[in-house]
Protein backbone atom coordinates (compact mmCIF):
# COMPACT_ATOMS: atom_id res chain seq x y z
CA MET A 1 -21.63 11.17 9.68
CA SER A 2 -20.82 7.48 10.15
CA LEU A 3 -21.64 4.75 7.63
CA GLU A 4 -24.03 3.18 10.12
CA THR A 5 -25.95 6.41 10.71
CA THR A 6 -26.13 7.28 7.01
CA LEU A 7 -27.49 3.83 6.20
CA ALA A 8 -29.95 3.80 9.10
CA GLN A 9 -31.34 7.23 8.26
CA GLY A 10 -31.53 6.35 4.57
CA LEU A 11 -33.43 3.12 5.21
CA GLN A 12 -35.84 5.00 7.47
CA ALA A 13 -36.42 7.62 4.76
CA LEU A 14 -37.16 4.84 2.26
CA GLY A 15 -39.54 3.16 4.69
CA ILE A 16 -37.53 -0.07 4.65
CA GLU A 17 -37.29 -2.15 7.79
CA CYS A 18 -33.91 -3.81 7.99
CA PRO A 19 -32.59 -6.03 10.82
CA LEU A 20 -29.30 -4.98 12.38
CA GLU A 21 -27.62 -8.12 11.07
CA VAL A 22 -28.58 -7.25 7.49
CA ARG A 23 -27.39 -3.67 7.99
CA ARG A 24 -24.06 -5.05 9.11
CA ARG A 25 -23.80 -7.19 5.98
CA LEU A 26 -24.73 -4.24 3.75
CA LEU A 27 -21.87 -2.24 5.26
CA ASP A 28 -19.54 -5.26 4.99
CA TYR A 29 -20.35 -5.22 1.28
CA VAL A 30 -19.49 -1.50 1.03
CA ARG A 31 -16.17 -2.04 2.80
CA LEU A 32 -15.38 -4.99 0.54
CA LEU A 33 -16.26 -2.92 -2.53
CA ALA A 34 -14.03 -0.06 -1.35
CA LYS A 35 -11.14 -2.47 -0.69
CA TRP A 36 -11.30 -4.22 -4.07
CA ASN A 37 -11.98 -0.96 -5.87
CA ARG A 38 -8.46 0.26 -5.14
CA VAL A 39 -7.07 -2.49 -7.38
CA TYR A 40 -9.91 -3.53 -9.69
CA ASN A 41 -11.48 -0.12 -10.42
CA LEU A 42 -15.03 -1.44 -9.94
CA THR A 43 -16.69 1.94 -9.51
CA ALA A 44 -15.88 5.64 -9.94
CA VAL A 45 -17.19 6.23 -6.41
CA ARG A 46 -14.20 5.97 -4.06
CA GLU A 47 -15.39 6.92 -0.57
CA PRO A 48 -17.36 4.36 1.49
CA LEU A 49 -19.76 7.04 2.79
CA GLU A 50 -20.60 8.05 -0.77
CA MET A 51 -20.99 4.37 -1.68
CA VAL A 52 -23.69 4.03 0.98
CA GLN A 53 -25.68 6.81 -0.70
CA ARG A 54 -24.91 6.30 -4.36
CA HIS A 55 -24.82 2.51 -4.35
CA LEU A 56 -26.67 0.99 -1.38
CA LEU A 57 -29.51 3.47 -0.97
CA ASP A 58 -29.79 4.08 -4.72
CA SER A 59 -30.18 0.31 -5.28
CA LEU A 60 -32.66 -0.09 -2.45
CA THR A 61 -35.03 2.58 -3.76
CA VAL A 62 -36.46 -0.14 -6.04
CA LEU A 63 -36.99 -2.70 -3.24
CA PRO A 64 -40.64 -1.72 -2.55
CA CYS A 65 -41.40 -2.00 -6.29
CA LEU A 66 -39.77 -5.43 -6.47
CA ARG A 67 -41.77 -6.60 -3.46
CA GLU A 68 -44.95 -5.31 -5.04
CA LEU A 69 -44.24 -7.43 -8.13
CA ARG A 70 -43.70 -10.48 -5.87
CA SER A 71 -40.84 -11.60 -8.08
CA LYS A 72 -39.31 -14.97 -7.17
CA ARG A 73 -36.55 -14.99 -9.81
CA VAL A 74 -34.70 -11.79 -10.72
CA LEU A 75 -31.95 -11.24 -13.29
CA ASP A 76 -29.59 -8.29 -12.71
CA VAL A 77 -28.19 -7.46 -16.17
CA GLY A 78 -24.80 -5.74 -16.24
CA THR A 79 -24.44 -6.02 -12.49
CA GLY A 80 -20.92 -4.53 -12.46
CA GLY A 81 -19.81 -4.66 -8.84
CA GLY A 82 -23.08 -6.31 -7.77
CA LEU A 83 -25.53 -3.44 -8.07
CA PRO A 84 -28.41 -3.41 -7.51
CA GLY A 85 -28.41 -7.19 -7.08
CA ILE A 86 -26.43 -7.67 -3.87
CA PRO A 87 -28.24 -5.04 -1.75
CA LEU A 88 -31.61 -6.30 -3.04
CA ALA A 89 -30.68 -9.93 -2.37
CA LEU A 90 -29.61 -9.14 1.19
CA LEU A 91 -33.08 -7.74 1.90
CA SER A 92 -34.96 -10.35 -0.17
CA PRO A 93 -33.82 -13.78 1.11
CA GLN A 94 -36.87 -15.53 -0.42
CA THR A 95 -36.03 -14.27 -3.92
CA ASP A 96 -33.42 -15.89 -6.17
CA PHE A 97 -31.08 -13.52 -8.01
CA VAL A 98 -28.79 -14.11 -10.98
CA LEU A 99 -26.10 -11.42 -11.34
CA LEU A 100 -24.82 -11.24 -14.91
CA ASP A 101 -21.82 -9.34 -16.27
CA SER A 102 -19.32 -9.78 -19.10
CA ASN A 103 -16.39 -8.26 -17.15
CA SER A 104 -14.44 -11.08 -15.50
CA LYS A 105 -12.77 -8.80 -12.90
CA LYS A 106 -16.17 -7.60 -11.76
CA THR A 107 -17.74 -11.07 -11.60
CA ARG A 108 -14.75 -12.34 -9.61
CA PHE A 109 -15.36 -9.60 -7.08
CA VAL A 110 -19.11 -10.26 -6.99
CA GLN A 111 -18.52 -13.98 -6.47
CA GLN A 112 -16.15 -13.23 -3.59
CA ALA A 113 -18.70 -10.84 -2.07
CA VAL A 114 -21.43 -13.49 -2.33
CA VAL A 115 -19.22 -15.97 -0.47
CA GLU A 116 -18.11 -13.53 2.25
CA LEU A 117 -21.65 -12.24 2.80
CA GLY A 118 -23.06 -15.76 2.96
CA LEU A 119 -25.65 -15.11 0.27
CA GLN A 120 -27.46 -18.34 -0.51
CA ASN A 121 -29.91 -16.78 -2.97
CA VAL A 122 -27.42 -15.37 -5.50
CA GLU A 123 -25.81 -16.95 -8.56
CA VAL A 124 -23.07 -15.06 -10.41
CA VAL A 125 -22.72 -15.55 -14.17
CA HIS A 126 -19.82 -14.31 -16.27
CA ALA A 127 -21.15 -13.96 -19.82
CA ARG A 128 -22.18 -11.47 -22.45
CA VAL A 129 -25.87 -10.67 -22.13
CA GLU A 130 -26.73 -11.99 -25.58
CA GLU A 131 -24.84 -15.25 -24.91
CA PHE A 132 -26.62 -16.07 -21.65
CA HIS A 133 -28.94 -19.08 -21.81
CA PRO A 134 -31.10 -19.43 -18.67
CA GLU A 135 -33.08 -22.63 -18.17
CA GLN A 136 -36.29 -20.73 -17.40
CA PRO A 137 -37.56 -17.16 -17.69
CA PHE A 138 -37.27 -14.59 -14.90
CA ASP A 139 -40.12 -12.74 -13.19
CA ALA A 140 -38.13 -9.52 -13.44
CA VAL A 141 -35.05 -8.36 -15.34
CA ILE A 142 -33.44 -5.29 -13.79
CA SER A 143 -30.62 -3.03 -14.91
CA ARG A 144 -28.92 -0.04 -13.35
CA ALA A 145 -27.18 2.22 -15.86
CA PHE A 146 -26.60 -0.79 -18.12
CA SER A 147 -27.64 0.54 -21.52
CA SER A 148 -30.34 2.31 -23.46
CA LEU A 149 -33.88 0.94 -23.18
CA ARG A 150 -33.68 -0.24 -26.79
CA GLU A 151 -30.51 -2.21 -26.11
CA MET A 152 -31.94 -3.65 -22.91
CA VAL A 153 -35.03 -4.89 -24.74
CA GLU A 154 -33.03 -6.25 -27.68
CA LYS A 155 -30.45 -8.06 -25.54
CA ALA A 156 -32.38 -9.06 -22.42
CA GLY A 157 -36.08 -8.74 -23.26
CA ALA A 158 -36.49 -12.45 -23.95
CA TYR A 159 -35.23 -13.43 -20.48
CA GLY A 160 -38.52 -12.43 -18.90
CA GLY A 161 -40.59 -14.69 -21.14
CA SER A 162 -44.13 -13.64 -21.95
CA GLU A 163 -45.04 -12.57 -18.40
CA GLY A 164 -41.82 -11.07 -17.01
CA ILE A 165 -41.16 -7.36 -16.70
CA LEU A 166 -38.07 -5.27 -17.41
CA LEU A 167 -37.06 -2.72 -14.78
CA ALA A 168 -34.65 -0.03 -15.94
CA MET A 169 -33.16 2.27 -13.32
CA LYS A 170 -32.63 5.67 -14.94
CA GLY A 171 -31.73 9.22 -13.94
CA VAL A 172 -33.84 11.79 -15.76
CA TYR A 173 -37.03 10.52 -17.39
CA PRO A 174 -35.85 8.85 -20.65
CA GLN A 175 -38.39 10.35 -23.01
CA GLN A 176 -36.28 9.88 -26.15
CA GLU A 177 -35.32 6.29 -25.26
CA LEU A 178 -38.98 5.41 -24.74
CA ALA A 179 -39.82 6.84 -28.15
CA GLU A 180 -37.24 4.45 -29.65
CA LEU A 181 -38.49 1.26 -27.98
CA PRO A 182 -38.39 -1.73 -30.34
CA ALA A 183 -41.63 -3.40 -31.35
CA GLY A 184 -42.92 -5.99 -28.90
CA PHE A 185 -42.46 -4.02 -25.66
CA VAL A 186 -44.49 -1.20 -24.14
CA LEU A 187 -44.14 1.17 -21.22
CA HIS A 188 -46.11 -0.44 -18.40
CA LYS A 189 -45.52 2.44 -15.98
CA SER A 190 -42.80 4.66 -14.56
CA GLN A 191 -42.08 5.66 -11.01
CA ARG A 192 -40.05 8.54 -9.69
CA LEU A 193 -37.56 7.52 -7.02
CA ARG A 194 -35.85 9.59 -4.37
CA VAL A 195 -32.45 8.61 -3.01
CA PRO A 196 -32.02 9.91 0.55
CA GLY A 197 -29.27 12.51 0.70
CA LEU A 198 -29.04 13.01 -3.07
CA ASP A 199 -30.71 15.85 -4.90
CA GLU A 200 -30.72 14.06 -8.25
CA GLU A 201 -33.46 12.73 -10.50
CA ARG A 202 -34.16 9.00 -10.50
CA HIS A 203 -36.83 7.06 -12.35
CA LEU A 204 -37.72 3.38 -12.53
CA ILE A 205 -39.09 2.39 -15.92
CA PHE A 206 -41.32 -0.70 -16.17
CA LEU A 207 -41.38 -2.32 -19.61
CA ALA A 208 -43.72 -5.21 -20.42
CA PRO A 209 -43.96 -7.50 -23.46
CA MET A 210 -46.86 -6.53 -25.68
CA GLY A 211 -49.71 -8.98 -25.19
CA GLY A 212 -48.42 -10.06 -21.79
CA ALA A 213 -50.67 -9.81 -18.73
CA ARG A 214 -48.80 -6.77 -17.36
CA ALA A 215 -49.06 -4.85 -20.61
CA ASN A 216 -52.85 -5.12 -20.70
């Protein structure tokens, strides 16, 4: 099956409307990722077709949730090769994204991808999570296979301020990690996600600061 067909069918299964121009840019991103990956080792996934499923569609499973939150500023912590930030930014032109990673090779690639894709709503930051100093809090802080929930809260919890929410993309439901949440954050809700073409568990975990509006 072609990249175009796999993406189109996946978007339809997710219920996401996507203009042809944006689909083209999503696939341009996959091709760019595959090209750089041969030298920079950005991801263990090597084949572009698998990248469409495991990277594009996996990232876009959270798009409806992000739209529901009506987030205007989103921080992607540990973005790696730009996931989930770049696919989400391509489909959310009214939302500003900051893509943060401590690996300089990866942020160089992400910066190049942002330029080549013409993304006006993305800023790339090369820094350790705990050394990042944003000027204002984010509506949502998202991570995809970045760390444990405890580490995410400890290192990035403050970046959402008192009203922001942390979104952790996980595989199986992280029961043990939730039991080890640090004080100050609570499970707001969880949502099971389905990635078209993959028979694997996915969950999105919503964490809210205790006392914040979302936690009540």
